[in-house]
Amino acid sequence: MYAIIATGGKQYKVSEGDIIRVEKLDAEDGATVTFDQVLAVSGDEFKAGSDAASASVTATVMRQGKGKKVIVYKYKRKTGYHKKNGHRQLFTQVKIDKINA
């Protein structure tokens, strides 16, 4: 059984027991989070769209963190212009507990 959920502007295909990293959520470690925006559910039969609107996915927050540093380097030749910038994206690691179809 799997479900496709949407959170943080992205879509994730999840099954029970999966550990995924999503965009930062406002939740403490060990808290339970419910994803209500379920796009599709596959179990005994496949449901998508309005059929899957009543489904939800519950997950437990494992940890909050920052991803690896991404270097952004801007450069224009012959003008002496260059600019270096770094970015570390915040994330929340969650473990999928149950898919409620």
N, C-alpha and C. Protein backbone atom coordinates (compact mmCIF):
# COMPACT_ATOMS: atom_id res chain seq x y z
N MET A 1 0.84 -1.17 0.00
CA MET A 1 0.00 0.00 0.00
C MET A 1 0.89 1.23 0.00
N TYR A 2 0.56 2.18 -0.86
CA TYR A 2 1.30 3.43 -0.91
C TYR A 2 0.34 4.58 -1.13
N ALA A 3 0.86 5.78 -0.87
CA ALA A 3 0.07 7.00 -1.08
C ALA A 3 0.98 8.07 -1.66
N ILE A 4 0.39 9.00 -2.38
CA ILE A 4 1.11 10.16 -2.90
C ILE A 4 0.58 11.37 -2.16
N ILE A 5 1.49 12.04 -1.42
CA ILE A 5 1.10 13.21 -0.62
C ILE A 5 1.79 14.44 -1.17
N ALA A 6 1.21 15.60 -0.87
CA ALA A 6 1.79 16.87 -1.28
C ALA A 6 2.04 17.70 -0.02
N THR A 7 3.27 18.17 0.13
CA THR A 7 3.63 19.05 1.24
C THR A 7 4.84 19.88 0.84
N GLY A 8 4.81 21.14 1.20
CA GLY A 8 5.94 22.01 0.90
C GLY A 8 6.14 22.25 -0.58
N GLY A 9 5.08 22.16 -1.37
CA GLY A 9 5.19 22.39 -2.81
C GLY A 9 5.76 21.22 -3.58
N LYS A 10 5.94 20.09 -2.94
CA LYS A 10 6.48 18.90 -3.60
C LYS A 10 5.55 17.72 -3.35
N GLN A 11 5.71 16.67 -4.15
CA GLN A 11 4.90 15.46 -4.00
C GLN A 11 5.81 14.30 -3.65
N TYR A 12 5.34 13.43 -2.76
CA TYR A 12 6.13 12.31 -2.29
C TYR A 12 5.30 11.04 -2.37
N LYS A 13 5.92 9.95 -2.84
CA LYS A 13 5.29 8.64 -2.84
C LYS A 13 5.78 7.92 -1.58
N VAL A 14 4.85 7.59 -0.66
CA VAL A 14 5.23 7.04 0.63
C VAL A 14 4.49 5.73 0.90
N SER A 15 5.14 4.88 1.68
CA SER A 15 4.55 3.66 2.19
C SER A 15 4.72 3.66 3.71
N GLU A 16 4.05 2.77 4.40
CA GLU A 16 4.19 2.69 5.85
C GLU A 16 5.61 2.25 6.19
N GLY A 17 6.23 2.97 7.13
CA GLY A 17 7.59 2.66 7.54
C GLY A 17 8.66 3.47 6.82
N ASP A 18 8.30 4.22 5.80
CA ASP A 18 9.27 5.03 5.06
C ASP A 18 9.74 6.21 5.91
N ILE A 19 10.99 6.60 5.69
CA ILE A 19 11.55 7.80 6.33
C ILE A 19 11.88 8.77 5.20
N ILE A 20 11.26 9.96 5.25
CA ILE A 20 11.46 10.94 4.19
C ILE A 20 11.83 12.29 4.79
N ARG A 21 12.44 13.13 3.97
CA ARG A 21 12.75 14.51 4.35
C ARG A 21 11.82 15.43 3.59
N VAL A 22 11.10 16.28 4.32
CA VAL A 22 10.18 17.23 3.71
C VAL A 22 10.62 18.64 4.09
N GLU A 23 10.02 19.63 3.46
CA GLU A 23 10.29 21.02 3.83
C GLU A 23 9.97 21.22 5.30
N LYS A 24 10.63 22.16 5.93
CA LYS A 24 10.50 22.36 7.38
C LYS A 24 9.06 22.54 7.81
N LEU A 25 8.67 21.74 8.82
CA LEU A 25 7.34 21.82 9.43
C LEU A 25 7.48 22.39 10.84
N ASP A 26 6.46 23.09 11.31
CA ASP A 26 6.47 23.61 12.68
C ASP A 26 5.97 22.53 13.63
N ALA A 27 6.86 21.62 14.01
CA ALA A 27 6.51 20.53 14.92
C ALA A 27 7.77 20.12 15.68
N GLU A 28 7.59 19.72 16.91
CA GLU A 28 8.70 19.28 17.75
C GLU A 28 9.07 17.84 17.41
N ASP A 29 10.27 17.43 17.85
CA ASP A 29 10.70 16.04 17.67
C ASP A 29 9.77 15.12 18.46
N GLY A 30 9.35 14.03 17.84
CA GLY A 30 8.46 13.08 18.49
C GLY A 30 6.98 13.40 18.32
N ALA A 31 6.66 14.55 17.74
CA ALA A 31 5.26 14.93 17.54
C ALA A 31 4.66 14.16 16.37
N THR A 32 3.35 14.03 16.37
CA THR A 32 2.64 13.36 15.29
C THR A 32 2.08 14.41 14.33
N VAL A 33 2.32 14.19 13.04
CA VAL A 33 1.88 15.12 12.00
C VAL A 33 0.93 14.38 11.07
N THR A 34 -0.12 15.07 10.63
CA THR A 34 -1.07 14.47 9.69
C THR A 34 -1.01 15.22 8.37
N PHE A 35 -0.81 14.49 7.29
CA PHE A 35 -0.82 15.06 5.95
C PHE A 35 -2.20 14.81 5.36
N ASP A 36 -2.97 15.88 5.19
CA ASP A 36 -4.34 15.76 4.69
C ASP A 36 -4.42 15.84 3.17
N GLN A 37 -3.41 16.42 2.55
CA GLN A 37 -3.44 16.61 1.10
C GLN A 37 -2.89 15.35 0.42
N VAL A 38 -3.76 14.37 0.27
CA VAL A 38 -3.40 13.09 -0.35
C VAL A 38 -3.93 13.11 -1.78
N LEU A 39 -3.04 12.89 -2.74
CA LEU A 39 -3.41 12.94 -4.16
C LEU A 39 -3.88 11.59 -4.68
N ALA A 40 -3.29 10.51 -4.16
CA ALA A 40 -3.66 9.17 -4.62
C ALA A 40 -3.36 8.16 -3.53
N VAL A 41 -4.13 7.08 -3.51
CA VAL A 41 -3.92 5.99 -2.57
C VAL A 41 -4.05 4.68 -3.32
N SER A 42 -3.11 3.78 -3.08
CA SER A 42 -3.17 2.47 -3.71
C SER A 42 -3.17 1.41 -2.62
N GLY A 43 -4.20 0.60 -2.59
CA GLY A 43 -4.30 -0.50 -1.63
C GLY A 43 -4.94 -1.66 -2.34
N ASP A 44 -6.14 -2.02 -1.92
CA ASP A 44 -6.89 -3.05 -2.65
C ASP A 44 -7.27 -2.53 -4.03
N GLU A 45 -7.58 -1.25 -4.10
CA GLU A 45 -7.87 -0.61 -5.39
C GLU A 45 -7.25 0.78 -5.39
N PHE A 46 -6.99 1.30 -6.57
CA PHE A 46 -6.35 2.60 -6.71
C PHE A 46 -7.40 3.71 -6.66
N LYS A 47 -7.16 4.72 -5.81
CA LYS A 47 -8.05 5.88 -5.72
C LYS A 47 -7.23 7.13 -5.97
N ALA A 48 -7.79 8.04 -6.76
CA ALA A 48 -7.09 9.29 -7.05
C ALA A 48 -8.10 10.42 -7.12
N GLY A 49 -7.61 11.63 -6.96
CA GLY A 49 -8.45 12.81 -7.08
C GLY A 49 -9.46 12.92 -5.97
N SER A 50 -10.73 13.12 -6.31
CA SER A 50 -11.77 13.30 -5.31
C SER A 50 -12.04 12.02 -4.52
N ASP A 51 -11.73 10.86 -5.07
CA ASP A 51 -11.91 9.60 -4.35
C ASP A 51 -10.94 9.49 -3.17
N ALA A 52 -9.75 10.10 -3.32
CA ALA A 52 -8.73 10.03 -2.27
C ALA A 52 -8.77 11.25 -1.35
N ALA A 53 -9.77 12.11 -1.50
CA ALA A 53 -9.84 13.34 -0.70
C ALA A 53 -10.04 13.05 0.78
N SER A 54 -10.70 11.95 1.12
CA SER A 54 -10.95 11.63 2.53
C SER A 54 -9.77 10.92 3.18
N ALA A 55 -8.76 10.55 2.42
CA ALA A 55 -7.61 9.82 2.97
C ALA A 55 -6.66 10.79 3.68
N SER A 56 -5.85 10.23 4.59
CA SER A 56 -4.84 11.01 5.27
C SER A 56 -3.66 10.11 5.60
N VAL A 57 -2.53 10.73 5.88
CA VAL A 57 -1.31 10.01 6.23
C VAL A 57 -0.79 10.58 7.54
N THR A 58 -0.53 9.70 8.52
CA THR A 58 0.03 10.16 9.79
C THR A 58 1.50 9.78 9.85
N ALA A 59 2.29 10.69 10.42
CA ALA A 59 3.73 10.49 10.50
C ALA A 59 4.25 11.04 11.82
N THR A 60 5.41 10.56 12.24
CA THR A 60 6.07 11.02 13.44
C THR A 60 7.32 11.79 13.06
N VAL A 61 7.51 12.96 13.67
CA VAL A 61 8.68 13.79 13.39
C VAL A 61 9.88 13.15 14.08
N MET A 62 10.92 12.86 13.30
CA MET A 62 12.13 12.26 13.87
C MET A 62 13.14 13.34 14.27
N ARG A 63 13.37 14.30 13.36
CA ARG A 63 14.32 15.37 13.68
C ARG A 63 14.15 16.53 12.73
N GLN A 64 14.65 17.68 13.15
CA GLN A 64 14.73 18.89 12.33
C GLN A 64 16.21 19.06 11.98
N GLY A 65 16.51 19.65 10.83
CA GLY A 65 17.91 19.82 10.48
C GLY A 65 18.10 20.73 9.30
N LYS A 66 19.38 20.83 8.89
CA LYS A 66 19.77 21.60 7.72
C LYS A 66 20.44 20.66 6.73
N GLY A 67 20.18 20.88 5.45
CA GLY A 67 20.77 20.06 4.42
C GLY A 67 22.21 20.47 4.15
N LYS A 68 22.82 19.84 3.16
CA LYS A 68 24.18 20.19 2.79
C LYS A 68 24.23 21.58 2.19
N LYS A 69 25.37 22.22 2.30
CA LYS A 69 25.52 23.57 1.78
C LYS A 69 25.59 23.54 0.25
N VAL A 70 24.82 24.44 -0.36
CA VAL A 70 24.83 24.61 -1.80
C VAL A 70 25.50 25.94 -2.08
N ILE A 71 26.51 25.92 -2.91
CA ILE A 71 27.24 27.14 -3.25
C ILE A 71 26.62 27.77 -4.49
N VAL A 72 26.29 29.06 -4.39
CA VAL A 72 25.77 29.82 -5.51
C VAL A 72 26.85 30.81 -5.90
N TYR A 73 27.38 30.68 -7.11
CA TYR A 73 28.48 31.54 -7.56
C TYR A 73 28.05 32.26 -8.82
N LYS A 74 28.03 33.59 -8.76
CA LYS A 74 27.67 34.40 -9.92
C LYS A 74 28.94 35.04 -10.45
N TYR A 75 29.09 35.05 -11.77
CA TYR A 75 30.31 35.55 -12.39
C TYR A 75 29.98 36.16 -13.75
N LYS A 76 30.53 37.32 -14.00
CA LYS A 76 30.42 37.93 -15.33
C LYS A 76 31.83 38.24 -15.82
N ARG A 77 32.14 37.75 -16.97
CA ARG A 77 33.50 37.90 -17.48
C ARG A 77 33.79 39.33 -17.91
N LYS A 78 35.03 39.68 -17.89
CA LYS A 78 35.58 40.96 -18.36
C LYS A 78 35.17 42.17 -17.52
N THR A 79 34.32 41.99 -16.52
CA THR A 79 33.89 43.15 -15.73
C THR A 79 34.40 43.09 -14.29
N GLY A 80 34.99 41.99 -13.90
CA GLY A 80 35.49 41.85 -12.54
C GLY A 80 34.40 41.54 -11.54
N TYR A 81 33.21 41.19 -12.02
CA TYR A 81 32.09 40.92 -11.12
C TYR A 81 32.04 39.43 -10.78
N HIS A 82 32.08 39.15 -9.50
CA HIS A 82 31.81 37.79 -9.03
C HIS A 82 31.26 37.88 -7.62
N LYS A 83 30.36 36.96 -7.32
CA LYS A 83 29.72 36.95 -6.02
C LYS A 83 29.50 35.50 -5.59
N LYS A 84 29.93 35.18 -4.39
CA LYS A 84 29.78 33.82 -3.88
C LYS A 84 28.81 33.85 -2.70
N ASN A 85 27.86 32.92 -2.73
CA ASN A 85 26.85 32.86 -1.68
C ASN A 85 26.56 31.39 -1.39
N GLY A 86 26.25 31.08 -0.13
CA GLY A 86 25.92 29.72 0.25
C GLY A 86 24.52 29.64 0.83
N HIS A 87 23.95 28.44 0.78
CA HIS A 87 22.58 28.24 1.28
C HIS A 87 22.46 26.84 1.85
N ARG A 88 21.82 26.73 3.02
CA ARG A 88 21.51 25.42 3.61
C ARG A 88 20.02 25.36 3.85
N GLN A 89 19.35 24.45 3.16
CA GLN A 89 17.89 24.33 3.24
C GLN A 89 17.48 23.62 4.52
N LEU A 90 16.48 24.15 5.21
CA LEU A 90 15.95 23.51 6.41
C LEU A 90 15.01 22.37 6.02
N PHE A 91 15.04 21.28 6.81
CA PHE A 91 14.17 20.15 6.51
C PHE A 91 13.65 19.53 7.80
N THR A 92 12.62 18.71 7.66
CA THR A 92 12.08 17.91 8.75
C THR A 92 12.08 16.46 8.28
N GLN A 93 12.66 15.58 9.09
CA GLN A 93 12.69 14.16 8.75
C GLN A 93 11.54 13.48 9.48
N VAL A 94 10.67 12.80 8.72
CA VAL A 94 9.49 12.16 9.30
C VAL A 94 9.47 10.68 8.93
N LYS A 95 8.86 9.88 9.82
CA LYS A 95 8.65 8.46 9.56
C LYS A 95 7.15 8.24 9.38
N ILE A 96 6.77 7.62 8.27
CA ILE A 96 5.37 7.38 7.95
C ILE A 96 4.86 6.23 8.83
N ASP A 97 3.83 6.52 9.64
CA ASP A 97 3.28 5.51 10.54
C ASP A 97 2.11 4.75 9.92
N LYS A 98 1.14 5.51 9.39
CA LYS A 98 -0.08 4.86 8.91
C LYS A 98 -0.68 5.63 7.75
N ILE A 99 -1.23 4.89 6.80
CA ILE A 99 -1.97 5.47 5.69
C ILE A 99 -3.44 5.14 5.92
N ASN A 100 -4.25 6.17 6.14
CA ASN A 100 -5.68 6.00 6.40
C ASN A 100 -6.44 6.21 5.09
N ALA A 101 -6.87 5.13 4.46
CA ALA A 101 -7.52 5.23 3.16
C ALA A 101 -9.01 5.38 3.26
